[in-house]
Amino acid sequence: MYRSDYPWKSFLKKIAVIAVPVALQNLLTTTGSMVDTMMIASLGRTEVGAVGLCAQFSSLMFSCYWGFVGGGMLFIAQYFGARDDDGINKSYGVTLTFMMTVSLIFCMLGVLFPETVMRLYTDKESIRQVGTQYLRIAGFAYPLMVLSMAMAALLRCTERVRIPLWGGIAAVITNVFLNWVLIFGNLGAPAMGVRGAAYATVSAQAVNCAVIIIGARISRHPYLLAVRRHFRWGHGFIRIYLKKCFPIICNEVLIGAGNMIINVVLGRQPEEAIAALAVFRTIEGLVIGFFAGFTNASSVLVGTEVGAGHLDVAYGRAWRLVYLCQGFIAILGAAVIALHTPILTMMGMKGDSYHYAFGMILIYLIVAIIRMGNWTQNDTFRAAGDATYGTVLEIVFMWLLVLPCVCTSGFVLKWPTLVVFGLCYVDEPIRYVLMQVHLFRGKWIRPVTPEGQAALQGWKPPKRQRIQ
């Protein structure tokens, strides 16, 4: 058994330093998205559904580049723990290169072929036309969005979490203000509708990048602006990087493809359900925003200790982070359910759309406690060097259980929308049990640094410990 005199105060303080700024940034972003949805909702249900489906295309891009973020954070956090400056710079350079390649591909697809993208996501002609207008402009935001994400990952892994927070604040303010100006034609500007929302998104991402770069320069961050040192990597380092990252990349791409299929099924539901789904995704971002703080805390607090060779400390922190995350998500979920009526009303939901949206929220928040526990465990495993276990579980269950259930219920059996939606999470409880077993065995600790590898020799999960 673990000792009862565990220093929770010190542990929680370490979490707060990393998790709170990230959670605040995501909360601000989600708040901005909610304001966006409220503004667009005033234009009509079709506009809400169209912009929501465009967001699903952005989510597909997220899945394609997030594998590199996860891999980059694995290396950066462990090298930071070992105080290896060269390793940090090379890891960031490789990560940035791959991420920007993905963003440019999606930028071209969105800008040059928006009709094809929208035709994939929905069979509703009115929604496709509006989405095409939005995506043709918003596609230019993708490289800026990914650049800011890469910079934020580096800053968070090197314990500079406030700089991305300030960038997020500036981006949200810019986005909301320009939405008000460009959507409705205030301050003498033409009323541009969803095109105005797209221009506001591009501008906000540009401001986000600018603030992060300026903040890093003012604080004299030793890595972000060391551009010449970012690309001094050879084939040997690339092989090591891709060997560790390959399972993560496969996971994110295959899960992203699976989610795209799910969104194709949901995009063929009634128009009221499509609008409700767009609102739900915004509220889902609120939950994920809090969760992301714990994810970053897991990557940094566990990854740095593994890299430094403090394996007992990493092990003890890992399982406490999982349960703390689930506890906070449960509290947040209860708050969202209690406030669902004013939230959905402000976001333009009424009639059937309201009932669909509330049903989706209720189903999701019941599952979210388990779902976020799975995500936190998987990110913890990745930060410690095990990119395979959680990846295999997620891919196998997605393609052999979730997708057959969703496609059969949606396309063949024509079950009600909320039943189809609920089946999207049918795998979560099973994976949670398997992840818990792996967590306590400690076999996910696989260092990439010499210090960590030396400490791993003969190491076993401790039965009694005190972590400072």
Protein backbone atom coordinates (compact mmCIF):
# COMPACT_ATOMS: atom_id res chain seq x y z
CA MET A 1 0.00 0.00 0.00
CA TYR A 2 1.07 3.60 -0.53
CA ARG A 3 1.97 5.71 2.41
CA SER A 4 -0.74 7.93 3.80
CA ASP A 5 1.57 10.93 4.19
CA TYR A 6 1.60 11.62 0.46
CA PRO A 7 2.45 15.32 -0.07
CA TRP A 8 -0.74 16.29 -1.87
CA LYS A 9 -0.18 20.00 -1.37
CA SER A 10 3.08 19.98 -3.29
CA PHE A 11 1.65 17.67 -5.95
CA LEU A 12 -1.47 19.77 -6.53
CA LYS A 13 0.64 22.91 -6.74
CA LYS A 14 2.72 21.36 -9.51
CA ILE A 15 -0.45 20.38 -11.37
CA ALA A 16 -1.97 23.83 -10.97
CA VAL A 17 1.10 25.56 -12.40
CA ILE A 18 0.70 23.58 -15.64
CA ALA A 19 -2.95 22.58 -15.83
CA VAL A 20 -4.70 25.78 -14.77
CA PRO A 21 -3.28 28.06 -17.52
CA VAL A 22 -4.01 25.40 -20.15
CA ALA A 23 -7.54 24.90 -18.84
CA LEU A 24 -8.11 28.65 -18.76
CA GLN A 25 -6.88 29.02 -22.32
CA ASN A 26 -9.18 26.25 -23.52
CA LEU A 27 -12.04 27.67 -21.48
CA LEU A 28 -11.54 31.01 -23.18
CA THR A 29 -11.40 29.33 -26.58
CA THR A 30 -14.58 27.39 -25.85
CA THR A 31 -16.28 30.54 -24.62
CA GLY A 32 -15.29 32.23 -27.85
CA SER A 33 -16.67 29.28 -29.82
CA MET A 34 -19.94 29.50 -27.88
CA VAL A 35 -20.20 33.20 -28.71
CA ASP A 36 -19.46 32.35 -32.35
CA THR A 37 -22.23 29.76 -32.34
CA MET A 38 -24.66 32.21 -30.76
CA MET A 39 -23.84 34.83 -33.41
CA ILE A 40 -24.09 32.36 -36.29
CA ALA A 41 -27.28 30.88 -34.82
CA SER A 42 -28.95 34.23 -35.34
CA LEU A 43 -28.41 33.71 -39.08
CA GLY A 44 -30.31 30.41 -39.10
CA ARG A 45 -30.17 26.69 -38.40
CA THR A 46 -28.57 25.96 -41.78
CA GLU A 47 -25.62 28.24 -41.04
CA VAL A 48 -25.03 26.64 -37.64
CA GLY A 49 -25.04 23.16 -39.15
CA ALA A 50 -22.72 24.16 -42.01
CA VAL A 51 -20.08 25.77 -39.80
CA GLY A 52 -20.34 22.82 -37.42
CA LEU A 53 -19.56 20.36 -40.22
CA CYS A 54 -16.61 22.51 -41.30
CA ALA A 55 -15.36 22.16 -37.73
CA GLN A 56 -15.44 18.39 -38.23
CA PHE A 57 -13.06 18.80 -41.17
CA SER A 58 -10.79 20.78 -38.84
CA SER A 59 -11.06 17.91 -36.37
CA LEU A 60 -9.86 15.50 -39.05
CA MET A 61 -6.81 17.72 -39.55
CA PHE A 62 -6.34 17.73 -35.77
CA SER A 63 -6.26 13.93 -35.79
CA CYS A 64 -3.69 13.88 -38.58
CA TYR A 65 -1.23 16.22 -36.85
CA TRP A 66 -1.92 15.40 -33.20
CA GLY A 67 0.17 12.24 -33.45
CA PHE A 68 3.19 14.46 -34.04
CA VAL A 69 2.21 16.67 -31.10
CA GLY A 70 2.01 13.63 -28.83
CA GLY A 71 5.33 12.30 -30.10
CA GLY A 72 6.97 15.69 -29.85
CA MET A 73 5.80 16.18 -26.27
CA LEU A 74 7.14 12.72 -25.42
CA PHE A 75 10.64 13.66 -26.58
CA ILE A 76 10.61 17.30 -25.47
CA ALA A 77 9.39 16.53 -21.94
CA GLN A 78 11.92 13.76 -21.42
CA TYR A 79 14.80 15.77 -22.87
CA PHE A 80 13.76 18.72 -20.71
CA GLY A 81 13.87 16.46 -17.67
CA ALA A 82 17.38 15.42 -18.67
CA ARG A 83 18.32 19.07 -19.44
CA ASP A 84 19.35 18.14 -23.00
CA ASP A 85 19.00 21.37 -24.98
CA ASP A 86 20.05 19.84 -28.28
CA GLY A 87 17.48 17.07 -27.92
CA ILE A 88 14.72 19.60 -27.18
CA ASN A 89 15.54 21.72 -30.24
CA LYS A 90 15.78 18.78 -32.62
CA SER A 91 12.55 17.26 -31.31
CA TYR A 92 10.69 20.53 -31.81
CA GLY A 93 12.11 21.00 -35.30
CA VAL A 94 11.06 17.54 -36.48
CA THR A 95 7.62 17.93 -34.88
CA LEU A 96 7.07 21.36 -36.46
CA THR A 97 8.09 20.11 -39.91
CA PHE A 98 5.62 17.24 -39.92
CA MET A 99 2.81 19.31 -38.40
CA MET A 100 3.12 22.12 -40.92
CA THR A 101 3.14 19.62 -43.79
CA VAL A 102 -0.23 18.28 -42.61
CA SER A 103 -1.65 21.79 -42.19
CA LEU A 104 -0.68 22.85 -45.72
CA ILE A 105 -2.38 19.77 -47.20
CA PHE A 106 -5.62 20.55 -45.38
CA CYS A 107 -5.32 24.23 -46.27
CA MET A 108 -5.22 23.35 -49.97
CA LEU A 109 -8.15 20.94 -49.64
CA GLY A 110 -10.27 23.52 -47.84
CA VAL A 111 -9.41 26.47 -50.08
CA LEU A 112 -9.33 24.72 -53.47
CA PHE A 113 -11.87 21.90 -53.05
CA PRO A 114 -14.43 23.03 -50.46
CA GLU A 115 -17.39 21.63 -52.41
CA THR A 116 -15.86 18.15 -52.40
CA VAL A 117 -15.19 18.33 -48.66
CA MET A 118 -18.75 19.41 -47.85
CA ARG A 119 -20.25 16.77 -50.15
CA LEU A 120 -18.42 14.16 -48.11
CA TYR A 121 -19.87 15.35 -44.81
CA THR A 122 -23.53 15.89 -45.66
CA ASP A 123 -26.21 15.23 -48.27
CA LYS A 124 -28.06 18.50 -47.47
CA GLU A 125 -27.53 20.88 -50.41
CA SER A 126 -28.36 24.04 -48.44
CA ILE A 127 -25.80 23.16 -45.77
CA ARG A 128 -23.17 22.31 -48.40
CA GLN A 129 -23.51 25.69 -50.10
CA VAL A 130 -23.04 27.66 -46.88
CA GLY A 131 -20.19 25.42 -45.72
CA THR A 132 -18.36 25.89 -49.01
CA GLN A 133 -18.37 29.68 -48.55
CA TYR A 134 -16.99 29.34 -45.04
CA LEU A 135 -14.36 26.70 -45.75
CA ARG A 136 -12.87 28.47 -48.77
CA ILE A 137 -11.77 31.29 -46.44
CA ALA A 138 -11.27 29.47 -43.13
CA GLY A 139 -8.82 27.04 -44.78
CA PHE A 140 -6.16 29.78 -44.64
CA ALA A 141 -6.33 29.61 -40.85
CA TYR A 142 -5.12 25.99 -40.72
CA PRO A 143 -1.34 26.61 -41.03
CA LEU A 144 -1.57 29.40 -38.43
CA MET A 145 -3.61 27.18 -36.11
CA VAL A 146 -1.11 24.34 -36.33
CA LEU A 147 1.89 26.66 -35.89
CA SER A 148 0.42 28.05 -32.69
CA MET A 149 -0.30 24.50 -31.47
CA ALA A 150 3.30 23.42 -32.09
CA MET A 151 4.70 26.47 -30.30
CA ALA A 152 2.32 25.97 -27.38
CA ALA A 153 3.38 22.31 -27.03
CA LEU A 154 7.04 23.33 -26.79
CA LEU A 155 6.34 26.10 -24.29
CA ARG A 156 4.21 23.88 -22.06
CA CYS A 157 6.74 21.05 -22.02
CA THR A 158 9.40 23.54 -20.96
CA GLU A 159 7.19 25.01 -18.22
CA ARG A 160 6.27 28.28 -19.96
CA VAL A 161 2.53 27.76 -19.91
CA ARG A 162 1.50 31.40 -19.52
CA ILE A 163 2.66 32.50 -22.97
CA PRO A 164 0.16 30.29 -24.88
CA LEU A 165 -2.50 31.50 -22.43
CA TRP A 166 -1.92 35.13 -23.41
CA GLY A 167 -1.99 34.13 -27.07
CA GLY A 168 -5.31 32.36 -26.52
CA ILE A 169 -6.80 35.38 -24.75
CA ALA A 170 -5.78 37.70 -27.59
CA ALA A 171 -7.15 35.27 -30.19
CA VAL A 172 -10.54 34.95 -28.49
CA ILE A 173 -10.94 38.72 -28.11
CA THR A 174 -10.00 39.23 -31.77
CA ASN A 175 -12.33 36.49 -32.97
CA VAL A 176 -15.38 37.70 -31.01
CA PHE A 177 -14.86 41.34 -31.96
CA LEU A 178 -14.35 40.65 -35.67
CA ASN A 179 -17.31 38.28 -35.68
CA TRP A 180 -19.48 41.09 -34.36
CA VAL A 181 -18.12 43.46 -36.98
CA LEU A 182 -18.02 41.19 -40.03
CA ILE A 183 -20.99 38.85 -39.54
CA PHE A 184 -23.52 41.63 -38.91
CA GLY A 185 -21.83 44.56 -40.67
CA ASN A 186 -21.13 46.77 -37.64
CA LEU A 187 -18.81 49.81 -37.60
CA GLY A 188 -19.48 50.45 -41.27
CA ALA A 189 -18.29 47.02 -42.46
CA PRO A 190 -20.39 45.00 -44.92
CA ALA A 191 -22.58 42.25 -43.42
CA MET A 192 -20.80 39.11 -44.60
CA GLY A 193 -22.56 36.33 -42.65
CA VAL A 194 -20.59 33.10 -42.38
CA ARG A 195 -17.83 34.53 -44.61
CA GLY A 196 -17.29 37.18 -41.97
CA ALA A 197 -16.94 34.45 -39.33
CA ALA A 198 -14.31 32.77 -41.52
CA TYR A 199 -12.29 35.99 -41.91
CA ALA A 200 -12.47 36.49 -38.14
CA THR A 201 -11.09 32.98 -37.58
CA VAL A 202 -8.10 33.59 -39.84
CA SER A 203 -7.34 36.92 -38.17
CA ALA A 204 -7.62 35.44 -34.68
CA GLN A 205 -5.14 32.67 -35.49
CA ALA A 206 -2.67 35.21 -36.87
CA VAL A 207 -2.94 37.23 -33.66
CA ASN A 208 -2.43 34.08 -31.58
CA CYS A 209 0.83 33.25 -33.37
CA ALA A 210 2.08 36.83 -33.12
CA VAL A 211 1.44 37.07 -29.37
CA ILE A 212 3.16 33.73 -28.69
CA ILE A 213 6.25 34.75 -30.67
CA ILE A 214 6.41 38.16 -29.00
CA GLY A 215 5.92 36.59 -25.56
CA ALA A 216 8.71 34.08 -26.18
CA ARG A 217 11.02 36.85 -27.31
CA ILE A 218 10.28 39.07 -24.30
CA SER A 219 10.79 36.18 -21.87
CA ARG A 220 13.93 35.10 -23.74
CA HIS A 221 12.75 31.54 -24.14
CA PRO A 222 15.86 29.49 -24.98
CA TYR A 223 14.23 27.14 -27.50
CA LEU A 224 11.29 28.59 -29.43
CA LEU A 225 13.25 31.22 -31.36
CA ALA A 226 16.44 29.18 -31.80
CA VAL A 227 15.40 28.48 -35.39
CA ARG A 228 18.83 27.46 -36.66
CA ARG A 229 19.07 24.74 -34.02
CA HIS A 230 15.64 23.29 -34.80
CA PHE A 231 16.67 21.58 -38.02
CA ARG A 232 20.03 20.07 -37.13
CA TRP A 233 18.72 16.54 -37.18
CA GLY A 234 19.91 13.67 -39.30
CA HIS A 235 18.44 10.40 -40.47
CA GLY A 236 19.39 8.66 -37.23
CA PHE A 237 17.33 11.00 -35.10
CA ILE A 238 14.42 10.86 -37.55
CA ARG A 239 14.39 7.07 -37.29
CA ILE A 240 14.30 7.17 -33.48
CA TYR A 241 11.58 9.85 -33.55
CA LEU A 242 9.38 8.01 -36.05
CA LYS A 243 9.85 4.68 -34.29
CA LYS A 244 8.42 6.15 -31.10
CA CYS A 245 5.84 8.33 -32.83
CA PHE A 246 4.62 5.82 -35.42
CA PRO A 247 2.06 4.16 -33.11
CA ILE A 248 0.78 7.59 -32.02
CA ILE A 249 0.52 8.78 -35.62
CA CYS A 250 -1.30 5.61 -36.68
CA ASN A 251 -3.62 6.00 -33.72
CA GLU A 252 -4.56 9.58 -34.49
CA VAL A 253 -4.94 9.06 -38.25
CA LEU A 254 -7.02 5.88 -37.95
CA ILE A 255 -9.12 7.33 -35.13
CA GLY A 256 -9.55 10.50 -37.16
CA ALA A 257 -10.70 8.46 -40.15
CA GLY A 258 -13.08 6.57 -37.88
CA ASN A 259 -14.47 9.80 -36.48
CA MET A 260 -14.92 11.09 -40.02
CA ILE A 261 -17.06 8.03 -40.82
CA ILE A 262 -19.07 8.67 -37.66
CA ASN A 263 -19.57 12.29 -38.71
CA VAL A 264 -20.67 11.14 -42.17
CA VAL A 265 -23.34 8.98 -40.50
CA LEU A 266 -24.43 11.82 -38.20
CA GLY A 267 -24.35 14.24 -41.14
CA ARG A 268 -27.16 12.24 -42.75
CA GLN A 269 -29.48 12.67 -39.77
CA PRO A 270 -32.34 15.25 -39.73
CA GLU A 271 -31.29 18.87 -40.17
CA GLU A 272 -32.35 19.66 -36.59
CA ALA A 273 -29.96 16.97 -35.34
CA ILE A 274 -27.08 18.36 -37.44
CA ALA A 275 -27.59 21.82 -35.91
CA ALA A 276 -27.76 20.25 -32.43
CA LEU A 277 -24.54 18.35 -33.11
CA ALA A 278 -22.76 21.59 -33.97
CA VAL A 279 -23.85 23.11 -30.64
CA PHE A 280 -22.91 19.91 -28.79
CA ARG A 281 -19.38 19.98 -30.24
CA THR A 282 -18.94 23.48 -28.85
CA ILE A 283 -20.03 22.38 -25.37
CA GLU A 284 -17.89 19.26 -25.67
CA GLY A 285 -14.94 21.62 -26.12
CA LEU A 286 -15.64 22.99 -22.63
CA VAL A 287 -15.13 19.53 -21.10
CA ILE A 288 -12.10 18.78 -23.25
CA GLY A 289 -10.66 22.17 -22.35
CA PHE A 290 -10.47 21.23 -18.68
CA PHE A 291 -9.24 17.78 -19.61
CA ALA A 292 -6.43 19.22 -21.77
CA GLY A 293 -4.93 20.83 -18.68
CA PHE A 294 -4.52 17.43 -17.07
CA THR A 295 -3.19 15.98 -20.32
CA ASN A 296 -0.43 18.56 -20.42
CA ALA A 297 0.24 18.03 -16.72
CA SER A 298 0.55 14.29 -17.36
CA SER A 299 2.97 14.81 -20.23
CA VAL A 300 5.16 17.23 -18.31
CA LEU A 301 5.00 15.91 -14.74
CA VAL A 302 5.39 12.27 -15.76
CA GLY A 303 7.55 12.70 -18.87
CA THR A 304 10.14 14.93 -17.21
CA GLU A 305 10.56 12.54 -14.29
CA VAL A 306 10.93 9.55 -16.59
CA GLY A 307 13.53 11.44 -18.62
CA ALA A 308 15.42 12.37 -15.44
CA GLY A 309 15.38 8.76 -14.23
CA HIS A 310 12.99 9.34 -11.29
CA LEU A 311 10.74 6.40 -12.14
CA ASP A 312 9.10 5.98 -8.72
CA VAL A 313 8.02 9.60 -8.83
CA ALA A 314 6.62 9.25 -12.37
CA TYR A 315 4.69 6.12 -11.44
CA GLY A 316 3.15 7.66 -8.34
CA ARG A 317 2.12 10.81 -10.15
CA ALA A 318 0.53 8.97 -13.06
CA TRP A 319 -2.33 7.19 -11.35
CA ARG A 320 -3.15 10.18 -9.15
CA LEU A 321 -3.42 12.39 -12.25
CA VAL A 322 -5.94 9.99 -13.80
CA TYR A 323 -8.29 10.00 -10.82
CA LEU A 324 -8.00 13.74 -10.25
CA CYS A 325 -8.93 14.34 -13.89
CA GLN A 326 -11.98 12.12 -13.61
CA GLY A 327 -13.09 13.86 -10.42
CA PHE A 328 -12.91 17.32 -11.98
CA ILE A 329 -14.70 16.15 -15.13
CA ALA A 330 -17.53 14.74 -12.98
CA ILE A 331 -17.96 18.09 -11.22
CA LEU A 332 -17.87 20.00 -14.51
CA GLY A 333 -20.36 17.62 -16.08
CA ALA A 334 -22.83 18.08 -13.24
CA ALA A 335 -22.55 21.87 -13.65
CA VAL A 336 -23.19 21.70 -17.41
CA ILE A 337 -26.27 19.49 -16.93
CA ALA A 338 -27.64 21.86 -14.28
CA LEU A 339 -27.20 24.86 -16.62
CA HIS A 340 -28.14 23.20 -19.89
CA THR A 341 -31.38 25.14 -20.43
CA PRO A 342 -29.93 28.68 -20.49
CA ILE A 343 -26.85 27.47 -22.39
CA LEU A 344 -28.82 25.81 -25.18
CA THR A 345 -31.36 28.62 -25.35
CA MET A 346 -28.62 31.23 -25.79
CA MET A 347 -27.10 29.12 -28.56
CA GLY A 348 -30.32 29.18 -30.56
CA MET A 349 -31.63 25.69 -29.77
CA LYS A 350 -35.40 25.23 -29.68
CA GLY A 351 -37.94 22.56 -30.48
CA ASP A 352 -36.46 19.33 -31.83
CA SER A 353 -32.96 20.85 -32.01
CA TYR A 354 -33.11 21.57 -28.26
CA HIS A 355 -34.13 18.00 -27.43
CA TYR A 356 -31.43 16.54 -29.66
CA ALA A 357 -28.77 18.79 -28.13
CA PHE A 358 -29.77 18.02 -24.54
CA GLY A 359 -29.83 14.29 -25.27
CA MET A 360 -26.32 14.44 -26.75
CA ILE A 361 -25.01 16.42 -23.77
CA LEU A 362 -26.56 14.01 -21.27
CA ILE A 363 -25.17 10.91 -23.01
CA TYR A 364 -21.73 12.44 -23.42
CA LEU A 365 -21.33 13.70 -19.86
CA ILE A 366 -22.31 10.33 -18.42
CA VAL A 367 -19.59 8.71 -20.54
CA ALA A 368 -17.05 11.55 -20.21
CA ILE A 369 -15.79 10.49 -16.77
CA ILE A 370 -14.61 7.18 -18.20
CA ARG A 371 -13.63 8.66 -21.57
CA MET A 372 -11.35 11.31 -20.07
CA GLY A 373 -9.81 8.71 -17.79
CA ASN A 374 -8.89 6.70 -20.88
CA TRP A 375 -7.42 9.74 -22.61
CA THR A 376 -5.37 10.77 -19.58
CA GLN A 377 -3.97 7.27 -19.16
CA ASN A 378 -3.07 7.04 -22.84
CA ASP A 379 -1.32 10.43 -22.82
CA THR A 380 0.53 9.42 -19.64
CA PHE A 381 1.72 6.21 -21.29
CA ARG A 382 2.89 8.18 -24.32
CA ALA A 383 4.79 10.74 -22.25
CA ALA A 384 6.60 7.89 -20.48
CA GLY A 385 7.59 6.28 -23.79
CA ASP A 386 4.86 3.66 -24.34
CA ALA A 387 3.05 4.80 -27.47
CA THR A 388 1.74 1.36 -28.39
CA TYR A 389 -0.61 -0.06 -25.75
CA GLY A 390 -3.32 2.60 -25.68
CA THR A 391 -3.00 3.05 -29.44
CA VAL A 392 -3.69 -0.59 -30.24
CA LEU A 393 -6.67 -0.68 -27.90
CA GLU A 394 -8.22 2.46 -29.32
CA ILE A 395 -7.78 1.45 -32.96
CA VAL A 396 -9.02 -2.11 -32.47
CA PHE A 397 -12.13 -1.09 -30.55
CA MET A 398 -12.90 1.80 -32.91
CA TRP A 399 -12.80 -0.28 -36.08
CA LEU A 400 -14.10 -3.62 -34.79
CA LEU A 401 -16.79 -2.41 -32.38
CA VAL A 402 -17.70 1.29 -32.58
CA LEU A 403 -17.84 1.79 -36.35
CA PRO A 404 -19.85 -1.38 -37.09
CA CYS A 405 -22.35 -0.40 -34.39
CA VAL A 406 -22.69 3.21 -35.58
CA CYS A 407 -22.85 2.44 -39.32
CA THR A 408 -25.29 -0.44 -38.89
CA SER A 409 -27.59 1.52 -36.58
CA GLY A 410 -27.44 4.69 -38.70
CA PHE A 411 -27.42 3.43 -42.30
CA VAL A 412 -29.08 0.00 -42.10
CA LEU A 413 -31.41 -0.11 -39.10
CA LYS A 414 -32.24 3.64 -39.21
CA TRP A 415 -32.35 3.86 -35.41
CA PRO A 416 -33.10 7.21 -33.69
CA THR A 417 -30.30 9.77 -33.80
CA LEU A 418 -29.58 9.69 -30.07
CA VAL A 419 -29.20 5.90 -30.09
CA VAL A 420 -26.71 6.16 -32.95
CA PHE A 421 -24.90 8.93 -31.06
CA GLY A 422 -24.72 6.87 -27.86
CA LEU A 423 -23.15 3.93 -29.69
CA CYS A 424 -20.15 6.16 -30.51
CA TYR A 425 -18.94 5.53 -26.94
CA VAL A 426 -19.78 1.85 -26.53
CA ASP A 427 -16.10 0.86 -26.19
CA GLU A 428 -15.08 3.25 -23.40
CA PRO A 429 -15.87 1.09 -20.30
CA ILE A 430 -14.09 -1.95 -21.74
CA ARG A 431 -10.95 -0.01 -22.61
CA TYR A 432 -10.94 1.65 -19.20
CA VAL A 433 -10.58 -1.68 -17.40
CA LEU A 434 -7.74 -2.77 -19.68
CA MET A 435 -5.96 0.59 -19.32
CA GLN A 436 -6.19 0.45 -15.52
CA VAL A 437 -4.50 -2.95 -15.45
CA HIS A 438 -1.68 -1.63 -17.65
CA LEU A 439 -1.34 1.51 -15.54
CA PHE A 440 -0.71 -0.34 -12.29
CA ARG A 441 1.71 -2.83 -13.85
CA GLY A 442 4.04 0.06 -14.72
CA LYS A 443 5.26 -1.46 -17.99
CA TRP A 444 4.43 1.78 -19.79
CA ILE A 445 7.60 3.45 -18.44
CA ARG A 446 10.00 3.31 -21.40
CA PRO A 447 12.54 6.18 -21.31
CA VAL A 448 14.27 7.64 -24.37
CA THR A 449 17.04 9.41 -22.41
CA PRO A 450 20.22 7.70 -21.11
CA GLU A 451 19.33 8.74 -17.54
CA GLY A 452 15.92 7.15 -17.74
CA GLN A 453 17.16 3.98 -19.43
CA ALA A 454 19.80 3.50 -16.74
CA ALA A 455 17.21 3.87 -13.97
CA LEU A 456 14.91 1.36 -15.69
CA GLN A 457 17.36 -1.51 -15.20
CA GLY A 458 15.81 -3.76 -12.57
CA TRP A 459 13.06 -1.23 -11.70
CA LYS A 460 9.67 -2.45 -10.52
CA PRO A 461 6.55 -0.47 -9.49
CA PRO A 462 7.03 0.39 -5.80
CA LYS A 463 4.60 -0.77 -3.15
CA ARG A 464 5.51 2.03 -0.75
CA GLN A 465 6.82 5.47 -1.65
CA ARG A 466 6.87 9.14 -0.84
CA ILE A 467 6.96 11.58 -3.75
CA GLN A 468 8.24 15.11 -3.37
